[in-house]
């Protein structure tokens, strides 16, 4: 008996023109990128002007959309049915390029050049913890400000924790606004040698320690970077806060994507609770890669019992066949060499181990090789029954895992997507996923 949950209705979510942003979030490896792409295709073919922003570095999304590459510039996806008036663009976040665009946009050319050439900035923009998530927020804000699309679908960064997407921008903003950065900015703000000399009196011990820990060259690069970025630090926090408010506003919907596995649904539960704490609108949960069976009425227990019975029968048959072969002497096959039961003339011939029974009375030949191997057939059927039992055990385990989530969060709308035999490689595959998202129902008995 499975617990019921409200049905997540995808088409009304996509069709509502008030919905401008859909964020697909969840732990890594649960199909967020494929879900985001499928939603984009379905929305575009239902009349929305959509753009999909992905942070997944894999090439699958570009290939499935028929694009040779994805980069920081939205590219139109060909092959979309535009009869309803929609279109689809796709892009992949380039973290460093987005950071560079922010620097160029919010500083004068000389200062921008100094920042872009600074070694500490180059390291920060390429891999500082939280930079990817922060730049995803920056790019989302840019796309929303352009107002060129009426629906933005965001595939959040793959991470160890789904909460990083919400936490990392604040962490980076706190770092850029933190006491350490402000302390390094102080000499530049005081200005002139006198100011630097005055501050050096109080900072000499700290600077000496930092030089030993970080190296004089790195500390100098940081100070140069901070001096050049002085006028921009407030802007980072302001824009991060503005995008955060945008995620809380009406018109934004979060879709939590998970697989029917314990760790993935635990992350999904944490995310659902965190979204509620932050007053962010949750549309529902997409449960991906759910296994099923076309013969669900045959339980695992019954299948295993039948398999054991067939295997025992096959073993007995093989043993009986062996005993019959040993009891038959040369030139014998269940009757005399010259005359069989009923007066038929039965003889054995042999050549190259192809023993044939020749029934002269009936006037035809029957090869032992042409007869079906009953024992082999039973063993094959037993193997298939065992495979079915394994599948039904997987189905039962996934159902228990799903039910645990539903018991804690019965209010969360849910939709289930059947596991596919392979990856999605083209638009047709994305359309099929979109149709299942729109038509699927959470199984409940």
Protein backbone atom coordinates (compact mmCIF):
# COMPACT_ATOMS: atom_id res chain seq x y z
CA UNK A 1 0.00 0.00 0.00
CA UNK A 2 1.72 3.20 -1.18
CA UNK A 3 1.14 6.62 0.28
CA UNK A 4 -0.53 9.17 -1.97
CA UNK A 5 0.83 12.62 -2.72
CA UNK A 6 -0.65 15.51 -4.72
CA UNK A 7 0.03 15.32 -8.45
CA UNK A 8 2.54 17.82 -9.83
CA UNK A 9 0.90 19.34 -12.92
CA UNK A 10 3.67 20.37 -15.29
CA UNK A 11 1.72 21.85 -18.22
CA UNK A 12 -0.19 24.41 -16.11
CA UNK A 13 3.14 25.40 -14.56
CA UNK A 14 4.69 25.97 -17.99
CA UNK A 15 1.62 27.62 -19.50
CA UNK A 16 1.12 30.21 -16.75
CA UNK A 17 2.65 33.41 -18.17
CA UNK A 18 3.14 34.73 -14.66
CA UNK A 19 5.79 32.09 -14.10
CA UNK A 20 9.05 33.59 -15.37
CA UNK A 21 11.73 31.46 -13.65
CA UNK A 22 11.85 27.72 -12.97
CA UNK A 23 14.80 26.46 -10.94
CA UNK A 24 15.62 22.75 -11.13
CA UNK A 25 17.61 21.78 -8.06
CA UNK A 26 18.73 18.65 -6.25
CA UNK A 27 21.80 16.59 -5.57
CA UNK A 28 24.18 15.54 -8.35
CA UNK A 29 23.43 12.68 -10.73
CA UNK A 30 19.62 12.69 -10.49
CA UNK A 31 18.83 14.03 -13.98
CA UNK A 32 18.48 17.77 -13.34
CA UNK A 33 20.02 18.74 -16.68
CA UNK A 34 17.81 16.39 -18.69
CA UNK A 35 14.74 17.54 -16.76
CA UNK A 36 15.56 21.22 -17.36
CA UNK A 37 16.12 20.60 -21.08
CA UNK A 38 12.91 18.59 -21.43
CA UNK A 39 10.95 21.35 -19.68
CA UNK A 40 12.50 23.92 -22.02
CA UNK A 41 11.53 21.96 -25.14
CA UNK A 42 7.98 21.40 -23.93
CA UNK A 43 7.53 25.03 -22.85
CA UNK A 44 8.81 26.34 -26.20
CA UNK A 45 6.52 24.04 -28.18
CA UNK A 46 3.59 25.21 -26.07
CA UNK A 47 4.24 28.85 -26.98
CA UNK A 48 6.78 30.12 -24.42
CA UNK A 49 9.93 32.04 -25.35
CA UNK A 50 12.27 30.02 -23.17
CA UNK A 51 15.97 29.89 -22.37
CA UNK A 52 17.69 27.07 -20.49
CA UNK A 53 20.70 28.01 -18.38
CA UNK A 54 22.78 24.99 -17.45
CA UNK A 55 25.88 24.75 -15.32
CA UNK A 56 26.51 21.09 -16.14
CA UNK A 57 29.81 20.82 -18.06
CA UNK A 58 28.73 17.61 -19.79
CA UNK A 59 28.13 17.74 -23.54
CA UNK A 60 24.90 15.73 -23.39
CA UNK A 61 22.65 18.77 -23.32
CA UNK A 62 24.26 20.36 -26.38
CA UNK A 63 24.12 17.08 -28.29
CA UNK A 64 20.50 16.40 -27.39
CA UNK A 65 19.52 19.87 -28.59
CA UNK A 66 21.44 19.53 -31.85
CA UNK A 67 24.04 22.15 -30.91
CA UNK A 68 27.74 21.70 -31.53
CA UNK A 69 28.56 23.56 -28.33
CA UNK A 70 27.11 25.60 -25.50
CA UNK A 71 28.78 28.68 -24.09
CA UNK A 72 28.01 31.87 -22.19
CA UNK A 73 25.88 33.24 -25.04
CA UNK A 74 22.31 31.92 -25.49
CA UNK A 75 22.03 29.97 -28.75
CA UNK A 76 18.77 29.17 -30.49
CA UNK A 77 17.83 25.51 -30.68
CA UNK A 78 16.81 24.37 -34.16
CA UNK A 79 14.15 21.71 -34.67
CA UNK A 80 11.67 23.19 -32.20
CA UNK A 81 8.04 23.17 -33.37
CA UNK A 82 7.29 26.90 -33.47
CA UNK A 83 3.67 26.58 -34.59
CA UNK A 84 2.52 27.80 -31.16
CA UNK A 85 4.77 30.86 -31.41
CA UNK A 86 7.47 29.77 -28.96
CA UNK A 87 11.23 29.41 -29.23
CA UNK A 88 14.06 27.91 -27.24
CA UNK A 89 17.59 29.12 -26.52
CA UNK A 90 20.19 27.30 -24.45
CA UNK A 91 23.46 28.31 -22.82
CA UNK A 92 26.04 26.93 -20.43
CA UNK A 93 27.46 29.12 -17.69
CA UNK A 94 31.08 30.12 -18.22
CA UNK A 95 32.00 31.07 -14.69
CA UNK A 96 35.14 33.09 -15.47
CA UNK A 97 33.64 34.86 -18.47
CA UNK A 98 30.60 35.89 -16.43
CA UNK A 99 32.87 37.25 -13.69
CA UNK A 100 34.85 39.15 -16.35
CA UNK A 101 31.62 40.63 -17.74
CA UNK A 102 30.63 41.83 -14.28
CA UNK A 103 34.01 43.50 -13.81
CA UNK A 104 33.90 45.22 -17.22
CA UNK A 105 30.29 46.31 -16.74
CA UNK A 106 30.81 47.87 -13.31
CA UNK A 107 34.22 49.56 -13.59
CA UNK A 108 36.07 51.92 -15.91
CA UNK A 109 38.41 50.47 -18.59
CA UNK A 110 41.66 51.14 -16.71
CA UNK A 111 40.44 49.62 -13.49
CA UNK A 112 38.87 46.69 -15.34
CA UNK A 113 42.19 45.92 -17.04
CA UNK A 114 44.02 46.03 -13.70
CA UNK A 115 41.52 43.64 -12.16
CA UNK A 116 41.45 41.19 -15.09
CA UNK A 117 45.26 40.98 -15.14
CA UNK A 118 45.59 40.49 -11.38
CA UNK A 119 46.78 36.95 -10.50
CA UNK A 120 44.59 36.73 -7.41
CA UNK A 121 41.50 37.71 -9.42
CA UNK A 122 42.33 35.09 -12.05
CA UNK A 123 42.48 32.43 -9.35
CA UNK A 124 39.33 33.72 -7.65
CA UNK A 125 37.28 33.85 -10.86
CA UNK A 126 38.38 30.39 -11.97
CA UNK A 127 37.75 28.29 -8.89
CA UNK A 128 37.09 30.04 -5.59
CA UNK A 129 34.55 28.16 -3.48
CA UNK A 130 31.09 29.54 -4.18
CA UNK A 131 32.09 31.45 -7.31
CA UNK A 132 30.21 29.11 -9.65
CA UNK A 133 26.99 29.39 -7.67
CA UNK A 134 27.38 33.16 -7.29
CA UNK A 135 27.97 33.59 -11.03
CA UNK A 136 24.90 31.44 -11.74
CA UNK A 137 22.93 33.98 -9.72
CA UNK A 138 24.62 36.86 -11.60
CA UNK A 139 23.77 35.29 -14.98
CA UNK A 140 20.18 34.65 -13.88
CA UNK A 141 19.89 38.32 -12.92
CA UNK A 142 21.33 39.38 -16.29
CA UNK A 143 18.92 37.18 -18.26
CA UNK A 144 15.97 38.44 -16.27
CA UNK A 145 17.04 42.06 -16.76
CA UNK A 146 17.32 41.59 -20.55
CA UNK A 147 13.64 40.57 -20.66
CA UNK A 148 14.23 38.79 -23.96
CA UNK A 149 12.62 35.56 -22.71
CA UNK A 150 9.38 35.05 -20.85
CA UNK A 151 10.62 31.85 -19.18
CA UNK A 152 14.08 31.12 -17.76
CA UNK A 153 14.81 27.54 -16.71
CA UNK A 154 17.87 27.12 -14.50
CA UNK A 155 19.77 23.89 -14.03
CA UNK A 156 21.59 24.45 -10.74
CA UNK A 157 25.26 23.53 -10.32
CA UNK A 158 26.12 19.92 -9.52
CA UNK A 159 27.37 19.81 -5.96
CA UNK A 160 27.72 17.56 -2.95
CA UNK A 161 24.84 19.35 -1.31
CA UNK A 162 21.80 20.82 -3.00
CA UNK A 163 21.86 23.64 -0.45
CA UNK A 164 25.07 25.09 -1.93
CA UNK A 165 23.11 26.95 -4.60
CA UNK A 166 21.40 29.03 -1.93
CA UNK A 167 24.32 29.29 0.50
CA UNK A 168 27.33 29.91 -1.73
CA UNK A 169 26.36 33.39 -3.05
CA UNK A 170 25.96 34.61 0.52
CA UNK A 171 29.29 33.07 1.48
CA UNK A 172 31.09 34.79 -1.39
CA UNK A 173 29.34 38.07 -0.64
CA UNK A 174 30.31 37.76 2.99
CA UNK A 175 33.90 37.13 1.98
CA UNK A 176 34.01 40.15 -0.31
CA UNK A 177 32.35 42.29 2.36
CA UNK A 178 34.23 40.70 5.26
CA UNK A 179 36.55 42.23 7.80
CA UNK A 180 39.68 40.77 6.20
CA UNK A 181 38.93 42.38 2.84
CA UNK A 182 38.00 45.68 4.50
CA UNK A 183 41.25 45.59 6.46
CA UNK A 184 43.21 45.09 3.24
CA UNK A 185 41.24 47.95 1.65
CA UNK A 186 42.12 50.36 4.46
CA UNK A 187 45.49 51.53 3.08
CA UNK A 188 43.92 52.35 -0.27
CA UNK A 189 41.08 54.24 1.38
CA UNK A 190 43.41 56.31 3.58
CA UNK A 191 45.58 57.12 0.56
CA UNK A 192 49.12 58.41 0.31
CA UNK A 193 52.32 57.30 1.96
CA UNK A 194 51.37 58.85 5.28
CA UNK A 195 48.24 56.78 5.49
CA UNK A 196 50.05 53.60 4.56
CA UNK A 197 52.82 54.38 7.06
CA UNK A 198 50.26 55.03 9.79
CA UNK A 199 48.43 51.77 9.14
CA UNK A 200 51.67 49.83 8.84
CA UNK A 201 52.50 50.69 12.44
CA UNK A 202 49.43 48.83 13.63
CA UNK A 203 49.45 46.14 10.93
CA UNK A 204 53.12 45.21 10.83
CA UNK A 205 52.71 42.15 13.03
CA UNK A 206 49.67 40.91 11.14
CA UNK A 207 51.26 41.59 7.74
CA UNK A 208 54.42 39.77 8.75
CA UNK A 209 52.39 36.76 9.81
CA UNK A 210 50.35 36.82 6.56
CA UNK A 211 53.53 37.08 4.52
CA UNK A 212 54.80 33.90 6.16
CA UNK A 213 51.51 32.05 5.72
CA UNK A 214 50.45 33.33 2.29
CA UNK A 215 53.69 34.58 0.80
CA UNK A 216 54.57 38.20 0.15
CA UNK A 217 53.68 37.97 -3.54
CA UNK A 218 50.20 36.57 -2.88
CA UNK A 219 49.45 39.17 -0.20
CA UNK A 220 50.57 41.93 -2.58
CA UNK A 221 48.32 40.54 -5.33
CA UNK A 222 45.38 40.46 -2.92
CA UNK A 223 45.98 44.03 -1.80
CA UNK A 224 46.23 45.19 -5.42
CA UNK A 225 43.07 43.31 -6.30
CA UNK A 226 41.18 44.73 -3.31
CA UNK A 227 42.31 48.27 -4.12
CA UNK A 228 41.08 47.93 -7.71
CA UNK A 229 37.79 46.29 -6.64
CA UNK A 230 37.09 48.88 -3.93
CA UNK A 231 34.09 50.44 -5.67
CA UNK A 232 32.61 47.06 -6.70
CA UNK A 233 32.34 45.14 -3.43
CA UNK A 234 29.06 46.72 -2.40
CA UNK A 235 27.66 45.90 -5.83
CA UNK A 236 28.33 42.18 -5.40
CA UNK A 237 26.32 42.03 -2.22
CA UNK A 238 23.57 44.26 -3.64
CA UNK A 239 23.13 42.15 -6.77
CA UNK A 240 23.26 38.89 -4.81
CA UNK A 241 20.56 40.18 -2.48
CA UNK A 242 18.45 41.37 -5.43
CA UNK A 243 18.66 37.97 -7.15
CA UNK A 244 17.86 36.25 -3.87
CA UNK A 245 14.72 38.36 -3.56
CA UNK A 246 13.88 37.51 -7.17
CA UNK A 247 13.97 33.82 -6.24
CA UNK A 248 11.51 34.51 -3.43
CA UNK A 249 9.12 36.54 -5.55
CA UNK A 250 5.92 35.35 -7.24
CA UNK A 251 6.73 34.15 -10.74
CA UNK A 252 9.58 31.89 -9.56
CA UNK A 253 9.05 28.17 -9.02
CA UNK A 254 11.48 25.59 -7.65
CA UNK A 255 11.37 22.02 -8.87
CA UNK A 256 13.29 19.61 -6.67
CA UNK A 257 14.64 16.73 -8.77
CA UNK A 258 15.53 13.43 -7.09
CA UNK A 259 15.94 9.73 -7.75
CA UNK A 260 14.20 7.04 -5.69
CA UNK A 261 17.32 6.48 -3.62
CA UNK A 262 17.84 7.14 0.07
CA UNK A 263 20.60 9.76 -0.23
CA UNK A 264 18.94 11.65 -3.10
CA UNK A 265 15.58 11.85 -1.34
CA UNK A 266 17.26 12.86 1.91
CA UNK A 267 18.85 15.79 0.05
CA UNK A 268 15.46 16.54 -1.50
CA UNK A 269 13.83 16.62 1.95
CA UNK A 270 16.50 19.03 3.23
CA UNK A 271 15.95 21.26 0.23
CA UNK A 272 12.16 21.26 0.64
CA UNK A 273 12.57 22.30 4.26
CA UNK A 274 15.15 24.96 3.40
CA UNK A 275 12.95 26.46 0.70
CA UNK A 276 10.13 26.69 3.21
CA UNK A 277 12.45 28.39 5.72
CA UNK A 278 13.55 30.93 3.08
CA UNK A 279 9.99 31.56 1.84
CA UNK A 280 10.85 30.36 -1.65
CA UNK A 281 8.04 28.95 -3.81
CA UNK A 282 8.20 25.18 -4.25
CA UNK A 283 6.26 23.80 -7.22
CA UNK A 284 6.91 20.15 -6.42
CA UNK A 285 9.23 17.18 -6.75
CA UNK A 286 10.21 15.31 -9.91
CA UNK A 287 11.11 11.71 -9.03
CA UNK A 288 13.35 10.51 -11.84
CA UNK A 289 14.49 7.04 -12.91
CA UNK A 290 11.65 5.12 -11.29
CA UNK A 291 11.57 1.42 -12.15
CA UNK A 292 8.42 -0.49 -12.88
CA UNK A 293 7.22 -3.77 -14.38
CA UNK A 294 4.63 -4.81 -16.92
CA UNK A 295 3.83 -7.85 -14.75
CA UNK A 296 3.56 -6.21 -11.36
CA UNK A 297 0.90 -8.73 -10.27
CA UNK A 298 3.63 -11.42 -10.19
CA UNK A 299 5.40 -10.76 -6.91
CA UNK A 300 9.08 -11.38 -6.29
CA UNK A 301 8.26 -14.22 -3.89
CA UNK A 302 6.04 -16.05 -6.39
CA UNK A 303 8.57 -15.54 -9.19
CA UNK A 304 11.41 -16.99 -7.08
CA UNK A 305 9.28 -19.95 -6.02
CA UNK A 306 8.37 -20.69 -9.65
CA UNK A 307 12.01 -20.35 -10.71
CA UNK A 308 13.13 -22.85 -8.07
CA UNK A 309 10.44 -25.32 -9.13
CA UNK A 310 11.45 -25.05 -12.80
CA UNK A 311 15.14 -25.47 -11.94
CA UNK A 312 14.37 -28.59 -9.89
CA UNK A 313 12.30 -29.98 -12.76
CA UNK A 314 15.10 -29.27 -15.26
CA UNK A 315 17.64 -31.00 -12.99
CA UNK A 316 15.42 -34.07 -12.63
CA UNK A 317 14.85 -34.16 -16.39
CA UNK A 318 18.56 -33.98 -17.09
CA UNK A 319 19.25 -36.75 -14.57
CA UNK A 320 16.52 -38.95 -16.07
CA UNK A 321 17.86 -38.44 -19.60
CA UNK A 322 21.30 -39.47 -18.48
CA UNK A 323 20.04 -42.69 -16.91
CA UNK A 324 18.08 -43.59 -20.08
CA UNK A 325 21.16 -43.13 -22.26
CA UNK A 326 23.23 -45.38 -20.01
CA UNK A 327 20.59 -48.16 -19.92
CA UNK A 328 20.28 -48.30 -23.72
CA UNK A 329 22.86 -50.65 -25.26
CA UNK A 330 24.53 -50.36 -28.67
CA UNK A 331 21.99 -50.68 -31.42
CA UNK A 332 19.06 -50.20 -29.01
CA UNK A 333 16.64 -47.35 -28.79
CA UNK A 334 13.56 -48.33 -26.88
CA UNK A 335 12.99 -51.41 -29.12
CA UNK A 336 14.64 -54.15 -31.21
CA UNK A 337 16.88 -53.31 -34.10
CA UNK A 338 14.70 -55.07 -36.54
CA UNK A 339 11.21 -54.23 -35.45
CA UNK A 340 9.69 -51.69 -33.11
CA UNK A 341 6.47 -51.70 -31.20
CA UNK A 342 3.43 -51.77 -33.38
CA UNK A 343 5.32 -53.46 -36.18
CA UNK A 344 7.19 -50.39 -37.35
CA UNK A 345 10.67 -50.95 -38.68
CA UNK A 346 12.91 -48.72 -36.48
CA UNK A 347 16.67 -48.58 -36.95
CA UNK A 348 19.50 -46.38 -35.64
CA UNK A 349 22.04 -44.82 -37.92
CA UNK A 350 24.94 -42.68 -36.83
CA UNK A 351 27.37 -40.36 -38.50
CA UNK A 352 29.50 -37.69 -36.87
CA UNK A 353 27.46 -37.93 -33.63
CA UNK A 354 24.27 -36.90 -35.45
CA UNK A 355 22.20 -39.83 -34.28
CA UNK A 356 18.96 -40.16 -36.20
CA UNK A 357 15.89 -42.30 -35.62
CA UNK A 358 14.64 -43.67 -38.90
CA UNK A 359 11.04 -44.90 -38.81
CA UNK A 360 10.75 -46.97 -41.95
CA UNK A 361 7.11 -47.75 -41.23
CA UNK A 362 6.16 -44.05 -41.03
CA UNK A 363 8.40 -43.10 -43.92
CA UNK A 364 10.01 -40.02 -42.27
CA UNK A 365 13.05 -39.05 -40.23
CA UNK A 366 13.13 -37.07 -36.96
CA UNK A 367 16.41 -35.58 -35.71
CA UNK A 368 17.11 -35.40 -31.96
CA UNK A 369 18.79 -32.07 -32.64
CA UNK A 370 15.54 -30.72 -34.09
CA UNK A 371 13.61 -31.50 -30.92
CA UNK A 372 13.23 -28.67 -28.41
CA UNK A 373 15.45 -29.06 -25.34
CA UNK A 374 12.77 -29.06 -22.64
CA UNK A 375 15.25 -28.83 -19.77
CA UNK A 376 17.03 -25.91 -21.43
CA UNK A 377 13.75 -24.11 -21.98
CA UNK A 378 12.82 -24.54 -18.33
CA UNK A 379 16.21 -23.20 -17.21
CA UNK A 380 15.78 -20.16 -19.45
CA UNK A 381 12.31 -19.52 -18.04
CA UNK A 382 13.70 -19.85 -14.51
CA UNK A 383 16.39 -17.28 -15.29
CA UNK A 384 13.80 -14.84 -16.59
CA UNK A 385 11.71 -15.34 -13.48
CA UNK A 386 14.72 -14.56 -11.29
CA UNK A 387 15.37 -11.36 -13.28
CA UNK A 388 11.74 -10.38 -12.77
CA UNK A 389 12.07 -11.08 -9.03
CA UNK A 390 15.12 -8.80 -8.85
CA UNK A 391 13.22 -6.05 -10.68
CA UNK A 392 10.26 -6.38 -8.32
CA UNK A 393 12.61 -6.14 -5.33
CA UNK A 394 14.02 -2.90 -6.79
CA UNK A 395 10.47 -1.61 -7.33
CA UNK A 396 9.55 -2.42 -3.73
CA UNK A 397 12.70 -0.77 -2.35
CA UNK A 398 12.10 2.39 -4.39
CA UNK A 399 8.48 2.47 -3.24
CA UNK A 400 9.50 2.24 0.42
CA UNK A 401 12.04 5.04 -0.07
CA UNK A 402 9.44 7.21 -1.81
CA UNK A 403 6.86 6.52 0.89
CA UNK A 404 9.26 7.62 3.62
CA UNK A 405 9.61 10.99 1.88
CA UNK A 406 5.83 11.30 1.39
CA UNK A 407 5.18 10.46 5.05
CA UNK A 408 7.34 13.42 6.11
CA UNK A 409 6.23 15.82 3.35
CA UNK A 410 2.74 14.73 2.28
CA UNK A 411 1.95 18.23 0.99
CA UNK A 412 4.63 18.24 -1.73
CA UNK A 413 3.23 17.59 -5.25
CA UNK A 414 5.10 14.83 -7.05
CA UNK A 415 5.50 13.37 -10.51
CA UNK A 416 7.36 10.18 -11.41
CA UNK A 417 9.45 9.62 -14.54
CA UNK A 418 10.22 6.07 -15.65
CA UNK A 419 13.86 4.99 -15.83
CA UNK A 420 15.18 4.91 -19.39
CA UNK A 421 17.51 2.20 -20.78
CA UNK A 422 20.05 4.86 -21.83
CA UNK A 423 20.86 8.56 -22.01
CA UNK A 424 18.76 11.03 -24.00
CA UNK A 425 20.62 12.07 -27.15
CA UNK A 426 18.18 14.11 -29.24
CA UNK A 427 15.12 16.34 -29.23
CA UNK A 428 12.78 13.39 -29.64
CA UNK A 429 14.12 11.93 -26.42
CA UNK A 430 13.61 15.27 -24.65
CA UNK A 431 10.06 15.47 -26.03
CA UNK A 432 9.35 11.99 -24.68
CA UNK A 433 10.61 13.01 -21.25
CA UNK A 434 8.49 16.17 -21.42
CA UNK A 435 5.38 14.16 -22.28
CA UNK A 436 5.98 11.81 -19.37
CA UNK A 437 6.50 14.76 -17.05
CA UNK A 438 3.16 16.17 -18.19
CA UNK A 439 1.20 12.92 -18.19
CA UNK A 440 2.80 10.82 -15.47
CA UNK A 441 1.04 10.05 -12.23
CA UNK A 442 2.59 9.08 -8.90
CA UNK A 443 1.82 5.44 -8.39
CA UNK A 444 -0.37 4.83 -5.37
CA UNK A 445 -2.23 1.68 -4.47
